[in-house]
Protein backbone atom coordinates (compact mmCIF):
# COMPACT_ATOMS: atom_id res chain seq x y z
CA UNK A 1 -18.63 29.30 1.03
CA UNK A 2 -15.92 32.45 0.51
CA UNK A 3 -13.53 32.28 -2.28
CA UNK A 4 -10.48 31.14 -0.70
CA UNK A 5 -11.89 28.70 1.51
CA UNK A 6 -13.21 27.02 -1.76
CA UNK A 7 -10.10 27.43 -3.81
CA UNK A 8 -8.14 25.86 -0.80
CA UNK A 9 -10.90 22.76 -0.74
CA UNK A 10 -10.30 22.28 -4.50
CA UNK A 11 -6.78 22.51 -4.03
CA UNK A 12 -6.84 19.93 -1.82
CA UNK A 13 -9.28 17.48 -3.54
CA UNK A 14 -7.64 17.83 -7.08
CA UNK A 15 -4.39 17.27 -4.85
CA UNK A 16 -5.38 14.15 -3.00
CA UNK A 17 -6.67 12.35 -6.28
CA UNK A 18 -3.49 13.00 -8.23
CA UNK A 19 -1.90 11.29 -5.45
CA UNK A 20 -3.87 8.56 -5.71
CA UNK A 21 -3.71 8.09 -9.16
CA UNK A 22 0.45 9.33 -9.65
CA UNK A 23 3.18 6.52 -10.95
CA UNK A 24 5.60 6.67 -8.15
CA UNK A 25 8.31 9.10 -8.67
CA UNK A 26 10.68 6.24 -7.61
CA UNK A 27 10.58 2.84 -9.67
CA UNK A 28 13.48 0.79 -8.21
CA UNK A 29 12.67 -1.98 -10.63
CA UNK A 30 13.51 0.16 -13.85
CA UNK A 31 17.49 0.85 -12.51
CA UNK A 32 18.84 -2.47 -13.17
CA UNK A 33 22.71 -3.15 -12.59
CA UNK A 34 25.55 -3.82 -12.50
CA UNK A 35 26.44 -3.28 -15.94
CA UNK A 36 28.99 -5.42 -17.72
CA UNK A 37 28.70 -8.16 -15.00
CA UNK A 38 26.48 -11.47 -14.94
CA UNK A 39 23.13 -10.88 -14.15
CA UNK A 40 21.28 -12.14 -10.76
CA UNK A 41 18.78 -14.76 -13.03
CA UNK A 42 15.72 -15.98 -11.07
CA UNK A 43 13.07 -18.60 -12.01
CA UNK A 44 9.72 -18.65 -10.09
CA UNK A 45 8.81 -22.37 -10.57
CA UNK A 46 4.93 -22.30 -9.16
CA UNK A 47 4.06 -25.84 -8.28
CA UNK A 48 1.03 -27.63 -6.76
CA UNK A 49 1.56 -29.23 -3.60
CA UNK A 50 2.78 -32.86 -5.01
CA UNK A 51 2.00 -34.63 -1.35
CA UNK A 52 -1.82 -33.51 -1.74
CA UNK A 53 -2.51 -34.83 -5.94
CA UNK A 54 -4.69 -37.45 -6.42
CA UNK A 55 -3.50 -41.21 -6.80
CA UNK A 56 -2.77 -41.30 -10.46
CA UNK A 57 0.45 -38.96 -9.56
CA UNK A 58 3.66 -40.80 -9.98
CA UNK A 59 7.49 -39.15 -9.04
CA UNK A 60 8.71 -40.89 -12.08
CA UNK A 61 6.34 -38.61 -14.05
CA UNK A 62 8.29 -35.37 -12.93
CA UNK A 63 11.63 -36.77 -15.44
CA UNK A 64 10.67 -34.05 -18.10
CA UNK A 65 10.38 -31.39 -15.40
CA UNK A 66 13.66 -32.72 -13.59
CA UNK A 67 15.64 -32.73 -17.06
CA UNK A 68 14.34 -29.67 -18.08
CA UNK A 69 15.43 -27.74 -14.82
CA UNK A 70 18.86 -29.68 -14.71
CA UNK A 71 19.42 -28.17 -18.42
CA UNK A 72 19.06 -24.47 -17.19
CA UNK A 73 21.28 -25.78 -14.42
CA UNK A 74 20.24 -23.08 -11.39
CA UNK A 75 23.18 -22.81 -8.78
CA UNK A 76 21.11 -21.60 -5.98
CA UNK A 77 17.92 -23.65 -5.25
CA UNK A 78 15.39 -22.16 -2.97
CA UNK A 79 11.83 -23.69 -1.59
CA UNK A 80 8.84 -23.21 0.16
CA UNK A 81 9.93 -24.14 3.68
CA UNK A 82 10.66 -22.53 7.12
CA UNK A 83 14.49 -21.91 8.02
CA UNK A 84 16.16 -23.59 11.02
CA UNK A 85 16.58 -20.12 12.66
CA UNK A 86 13.03 -19.45 11.83
CA UNK A 87 11.32 -22.19 13.52
CA UNK A 88 13.84 -21.86 16.41
CA UNK A 89 12.16 -18.13 16.63
CA UNK A 90 8.61 -19.39 16.47
CA UNK A 91 8.90 -21.70 18.94
CA UNK A 92 9.62 -19.13 21.91
CA UNK A 93 5.93 -17.50 21.10
CA UNK A 94 3.47 -20.39 21.82
CA UNK A 95 1.38 -18.18 22.85
CA UNK A 96 1.32 -16.48 18.71
CA UNK A 97 2.92 -19.68 16.84
CA UNK A 98 1.95 -22.67 18.53
CA UNK A 99 -0.27 -23.81 15.95
CA UNK A 100 2.24 -22.50 13.20
CA UNK A 101 4.89 -24.47 14.99
CA UNK A 102 2.75 -27.83 14.72
CA UNK A 103 2.15 -27.13 10.77
CA UNK A 104 5.42 -26.25 9.29
CA UNK A 105 8.17 -26.97 12.04
CA UNK A 106 7.74 -30.65 11.81
CA UNK A 107 11.29 -31.26 12.10
CA UNK A 108 12.75 -31.61 15.52
CA UNK A 109 16.47 -31.16 15.57
CA UNK A 110 16.43 -31.90 19.44
CA UNK A 111 17.94 -35.43 18.52
CA UNK A 112 20.54 -34.33 16.14
CA UNK A 113 21.64 -31.86 18.85
CA UNK A 114 22.21 -34.94 20.80
CA UNK A 115 24.07 -36.15 18.50
CA UNK A 116 26.41 -32.96 17.70
CA UNK A 117 26.59 -31.20 20.58
CA UNK A 118 24.90 -28.20 18.65
CA UNK A 119 22.05 -26.26 18.99
CA UNK A 120 20.09 -23.99 16.20
CA UNK A 121 21.77 -21.35 16.37
CA UNK A 122 25.22 -23.26 16.90
CA UNK A 123 24.77 -25.30 14.02
CA UNK A 124 24.08 -22.38 11.97
CA UNK A 125 27.33 -21.04 12.57
CA UNK A 126 28.86 -24.23 12.02
CA UNK A 127 27.23 -24.92 8.71
CA UNK A 128 28.19 -21.65 7.41
CA UNK A 129 32.01 -22.35 8.91
CA UNK A 130 31.78 -25.73 7.23
CA UNK A 131 30.78 -24.35 3.68
CA UNK A 132 33.11 -21.35 3.49
CA UNK A 133 36.15 -23.91 3.57
CA UNK A 134 34.65 -27.18 2.00
CA UNK A 135 36.84 -29.23 -0.09
CA UNK A 136 35.94 -29.84 -3.98
CA UNK A 137 36.32 -33.85 -3.15
CA UNK A 138 34.58 -34.02 0.41
CA UNK A 139 35.01 -37.60 2.29
CA UNK A 140 32.02 -39.31 2.91
CA UNK A 141 32.41 -38.78 6.68
CA UNK A 142 32.75 -34.79 5.56
CA UNK A 143 29.54 -35.68 3.70
CA UNK A 144 27.67 -37.72 7.00
CA UNK A 145 28.89 -34.96 9.65
CA UNK A 146 27.83 -31.97 7.45
CA UNK A 147 24.16 -33.99 6.86
CA UNK A 148 24.12 -33.78 10.69
CA UNK A 149 24.93 -30.69 11.31
CA UNK A 150 22.41 -29.42 9.04
CA UNK A 151 19.83 -31.60 11.04
CA UNK A 152 20.77 -29.60 14.06
CA UNK A 153 20.57 -26.36 12.45
CA UNK A 154 16.61 -27.28 11.76
CA UNK A 155 17.47 -27.70 7.75
CA UNK A 156 16.90 -31.65 6.83
CA UNK A 157 16.08 -30.45 3.54
CA UNK A 158 20.14 -29.47 2.76
CA UNK A 159 20.77 -32.71 5.30
CA UNK A 160 19.04 -34.48 2.46
CA UNK A 161 21.18 -33.47 -0.45
CA UNK A 162 24.17 -34.34 1.50
CA UNK A 163 22.70 -37.64 1.81
CA UNK A 164 21.63 -37.98 -1.79
CA UNK A 165 25.07 -37.10 -2.68
CA UNK A 166 26.58 -39.98 -0.65
CA UNK A 167 27.11 -43.33 -2.76
CA UNK A 168 24.46 -45.41 -1.27
CA UNK A 169 26.79 -47.94 0.32
CA UNK A 170 28.00 -44.69 2.25
CA UNK A 171 24.41 -43.86 3.77
CA UNK A 172 25.25 -45.36 7.21
CA UNK A 173 25.65 -44.10 10.66
CA UNK A 174 28.33 -42.27 11.79
CA UNK A 175 30.16 -39.11 11.99
CA UNK A 176 27.03 -37.70 13.66
CA UNK A 177 24.28 -39.95 12.17
CA UNK A 178 22.91 -42.15 14.71
CA UNK A 179 20.35 -44.85 13.60
CA UNK A 180 17.66 -42.56 14.18
CA UNK A 181 18.83 -39.96 12.24
CA UNK A 182 19.67 -42.42 9.25
CA UNK A 183 16.32 -43.71 9.63
CA UNK A 184 14.80 -39.96 9.41
CA UNK A 185 16.89 -39.36 6.33
CA UNK A 186 15.91 -42.56 4.48
CA UNK A 187 12.30 -41.70 5.18
CA UNK A 188 12.27 -38.14 3.85
CA UNK A 189 13.84 -39.50 1.10
CA UNK A 190 11.59 -41.57 0.42
CA UNK A 191 8.87 -38.26 0.59
CA UNK A 192 5.83 -36.80 -1.71
CA UNK A 193 6.50 -33.49 -1.30
CA UNK A 194 8.70 -30.64 -3.95
CA UNK A 195 11.28 -31.03 -1.25
CA UNK A 196 12.05 -34.78 -2.02
CA UNK A 197 10.71 -35.08 -5.39
CA UNK A 198 12.13 -31.87 -7.06
CA UNK A 199 14.71 -29.96 -4.87
CA UNK A 200 17.06 -31.93 -3.22
CA UNK A 201 17.57 -34.24 -5.92
CA UNK A 202 17.79 -31.67 -8.32
CA UNK A 203 20.44 -30.01 -6.15
CA UNK A 204 21.98 -33.50 -5.92
CA UNK A 205 22.37 -33.81 -9.31
CA UNK A 206 23.60 -30.24 -9.72
CA UNK A 207 26.42 -30.78 -7.40
CA UNK A 208 25.00 -28.55 -5.01
CA UNK A 209 25.14 -28.68 -1.52
CA UNK A 210 22.39 -27.30 -0.16
CA UNK A 211 19.04 -25.53 -0.41
CA UNK A 212 17.44 -22.68 1.02
CA UNK A 213 14.57 -22.51 2.94
CA UNK A 214 12.61 -19.39 2.35
CA UNK A 215 9.34 -19.28 3.69
CA UNK A 216 8.00 -17.15 5.99
CA UNK A 217 5.49 -17.25 8.65
CA UNK A 218 6.20 -14.41 11.27
CA UNK A 219 3.36 -12.84 9.96
CA UNK A 220 0.67 -16.03 11.34
CA UNK A 221 -1.41 -14.71 14.36
CA UNK A 222 -4.83 -16.26 15.64
CA UNK A 223 -7.83 -14.76 14.65
CA UNK A 224 -10.09 -13.31 17.12
CA UNK A 225 -12.26 -15.37 16.42
CA UNK A 226 -11.73 -17.65 13.75
CA UNK A 227 -14.95 -19.64 12.99
CA UNK A 228 -16.74 -16.05 12.04
CA UNK A 229 -13.30 -15.36 9.71
CA UNK A 230 -13.09 -18.97 8.21
CA UNK A 231 -16.85 -18.14 7.24
CA UNK A 232 -16.29 -14.82 5.87
CA UNK A 233 -14.03 -15.58 3.81
CA UNK A 234 -14.91 -18.91 3.09
CA UNK A 235 -18.11 -17.60 1.63
CA UNK A 236 -15.80 -14.69 -0.50
CA UNK A 237 -13.94 -17.54 -2.01
CA UNK A 238 -17.15 -19.18 -3.46
CA UNK A 239 -17.15 -17.09 -6.96
CA UNK A 240 -17.04 -17.69 -10.19
CA UNK A 241 -13.08 -17.80 -10.71
CA UNK A 242 -12.90 -20.24 -8.02
CA UNK A 243 -15.21 -22.64 -9.74
CA UNK A 244 -13.35 -21.86 -12.96
CA UNK A 245 -10.03 -22.58 -10.89
CA UNK A 246 -11.81 -25.58 -10.04
CA UNK A 247 -12.59 -27.09 -13.35
CA UNK A 248 -9.26 -26.50 -14.79
CA UNK A 249 -7.23 -28.34 -12.19
CA UNK A 250 -10.01 -31.10 -12.17
CA UNK A 251 -9.04 -31.77 -16.22
CA UNK A 252 -5.37 -31.42 -15.37
CA UNK A 253 -5.25 -33.82 -12.52
CA UNK A 254 -7.49 -36.41 -14.72
CA UNK A 255 -3.81 -36.19 -16.80
CA UNK A 256 -1.25 -37.20 -14.26
CA UNK A 257 -0.20 -40.82 -15.12
CA UNK A 258 2.04 -39.68 -17.57
CA UNK A 259 4.76 -36.90 -17.84
CA UNK A 260 2.63 -34.94 -20.51
CA UNK A 261 0.36 -34.48 -18.05
CA UNK A 262 2.63 -33.85 -15.30
CA UNK A 263 3.80 -30.66 -17.45
CA UNK A 264 0.63 -29.58 -19.09
CA UNK A 265 0.09 -28.83 -15.13
CA UNK A 266 3.14 -27.05 -15.06
CA UNK A 267 2.58 -24.95 -17.65
CA UNK A 268 -1.15 -24.07 -16.57
CA UNK A 269 0.30 -23.62 -12.89
CA UNK A 270 2.26 -20.99 -14.43
CA UNK A 271 0.67 -19.18 -17.24
CA UNK A 272 0.48 -15.51 -16.55
CA UNK A 273 -3.31 -15.80 -17.63
CA UNK A 274 -3.69 -17.42 -14.29
CA UNK A 275 -2.33 -14.65 -12.10
CA UNK A 276 -5.25 -12.41 -12.86
CA UNK A 277 -8.01 -15.25 -12.27
CA UNK A 278 -6.32 -16.66 -8.84
CA UNK A 279 -6.68 -12.57 -7.48
CA UNK A 280 -10.15 -12.86 -8.08
CA UNK A 281 -10.67 -16.02 -6.60
CA UNK A 282 -8.11 -15.67 -3.68
CA UNK A 283 -6.95 -12.38 -2.73
CA UNK A 284 -9.35 -9.91 -4.69
CA UNK A 285 -12.12 -11.66 -3.49
CA UNK A 286 -11.09 -11.34 0.62
CA UNK A 287 -10.06 -8.07 -0.10
CA UNK A 288 -13.77 -6.82 -1.36
CA UNK A 289 -15.70 -9.26 1.76
CA UNK A 290 -18.08 -7.02 3.63
CA UNK A 291 -18.10 -8.36 7.33
CA UNK A 292 -17.74 -5.64 9.93
CA UNK A 293 -14.74 -7.20 11.26
CA UNK A 294 -12.86 -7.00 7.39
CA UNK A 295 -11.60 -10.12 8.10
CA UNK A 296 -10.57 -10.48 4.50
CA UNK A 297 -8.42 -7.31 4.86
CA UNK A 298 -6.40 -8.86 7.44
CA UNK A 299 -6.06 -12.50 5.59
CA UNK A 300 -4.56 -10.20 2.62
CA UNK A 301 -2.42 -8.65 4.98
CA UNK A 302 -0.55 -11.99 6.24
CA UNK A 303 -0.51 -12.84 2.48
CA UNK A 304 1.18 -9.71 1.01
CA UNK A 305 3.72 -9.43 4.17
CA UNK A 306 4.34 -13.20 3.89
CA UNK A 307 5.06 -12.77 0.19
CA UNK A 308 7.33 -9.77 0.91
CA UNK A 309 9.52 -11.05 3.61
CA UNK A 310 9.76 -15.12 1.41
CA UNK A 311 11.06 -12.75 -1.43
CA UNK A 312 13.44 -10.61 0.76
CA UNK A 313 14.82 -14.54 1.99
CA UNK A 314 15.31 -15.20 -1.69
CA UNK A 315 17.05 -12.10 -2.50
CA UNK A 316 19.71 -12.55 0.64
CA UNK A 317 20.65 -15.73 -0.31
CA UNK A 318 20.87 -14.81 -4.22
CA UNK A 319 23.39 -11.62 -2.67
CA UNK A 320 25.39 -14.37 -0.59
CA UNK A 321 26.70 -15.76 -4.34
CA UNK A 322 25.92 -12.78 -6.88
CA UNK A 323 26.03 -13.58 -10.85
CA UNK A 324 24.33 -17.12 -10.62
CA UNK A 325 20.80 -18.81 -11.66
CA UNK A 326 18.31 -19.00 -8.80
CA UNK A 327 15.82 -21.53 -9.09
CA UNK A 328 12.85 -20.72 -6.44
CA UNK A 329 10.26 -23.97 -6.14
CA UNK A 330 7.04 -22.29 -4.54
CA UNK A 331 3.42 -22.86 -4.61
CA UNK A 332 1.81 -21.22 -7.38
CA UNK A 333 -0.26 -19.05 -5.43
CA UNK A 334 3.03 -17.24 -4.36
CA UNK A 335 4.72 -16.92 -8.03
CA UNK A 336 3.33 -13.79 -8.91
CA UNK A 337 3.48 -11.70 -6.24
CA UNK A 338 7.31 -12.99 -5.74
CA UNK A 339 8.08 -12.31 -9.19
CA UNK A 340 6.16 -8.38 -8.60
CA UNK A 341 8.71 -8.40 -5.45
CA UNK A 342 11.81 -9.19 -7.00
CA UNK A 343 11.37 -7.57 -10.34
CA UNK A 344 11.56 -4.17 -7.94
CA UNK A 345 15.29 -5.12 -7.20
CA UNK A 346 17.62 -3.22 -8.58
CA UNK A 347 20.31 -6.53 -8.96
CA UNK A 348 17.36 -9.31 -9.98
CA UNK A 349 16.11 -10.38 -13.75
CA UNK A 350 13.04 -12.45 -13.82
CA UNK A 351 13.51 -15.47 -16.21
CA UNK A 352 10.02 -16.97 -17.50
CA UNK A 353 9.10 -20.18 -16.74
CA UNK A 354 8.80 -20.80 -20.38
CA UNK A 355 11.98 -21.22 -20.88
CA UNK A 356 11.89 -25.36 -19.09
CA UNK A 357 7.89 -25.71 -19.39
CA UNK A 358 7.25 -24.77 -23.25
């Protein structure tokens, strides 16, 4: 090889290697501001999906967690649900999102549209208008009306916040709530998920008017061969890290009969040592699965995209009310991704969950 060509080859080789290993020239997470102003503190609480816990779990066992979260006093609460706006969009594309809508957009805003005359876009605009001029002491009629508008906008969790802020005697029909919507709110109040057991009652207890649905499923897409994809990724998940996580969770689930056991579960789910174990069990394993179709890489693409868009939704909610504390309640496997992505934001400070779980 001529010397000049060889030198060019070496330069290309080593410049490529250096580019792959070099730290980024610009790291936004190191540049925090604004100076001298109250920071945007964000705590990401990783949770089990409570409705899927074994029968030993009882909602009363959450009382210590509630007390700790109330004491931390977040003024914004974000939850792992899809917004009414996103569900309205997904419903327009059944070719891609039919399964997503069936799984994640279970609330039907049509009955509330019938009582309020508002479709999802109009209701969303009306929610913003009402809250921008919300009185310090709203009447029961105003709360019932806002609940109805939230339902029309596809935001049933925020409607539940308004419902819980009403005196029991005022939880009745009227102001846009008919008998069917009242029954739906009562049913939701007795739900077994994080929305009904943590987010909505916490928001009501703290005097908040709503919660923010920050999940995102626009990255969902049907697999070309679902059976083959499921088999390939399932095989990748069958690994020692998965076995270790399963054993840990079985031990924790055996203790869910009281508040001490529930707090032990939350401490485990939010332990930083769990992050790498979860990666090795799930996303890292999928990334390396050897199928010719590279199903695992597609799965990781979906996962990272979903978390990035969730982080963007949270960041938007924070920016509407700067200088407040935000609590994000999310499935534990999302926690570490959201913390990492949100920490890249100039105007976000991540608060460890140790403050409430220790």
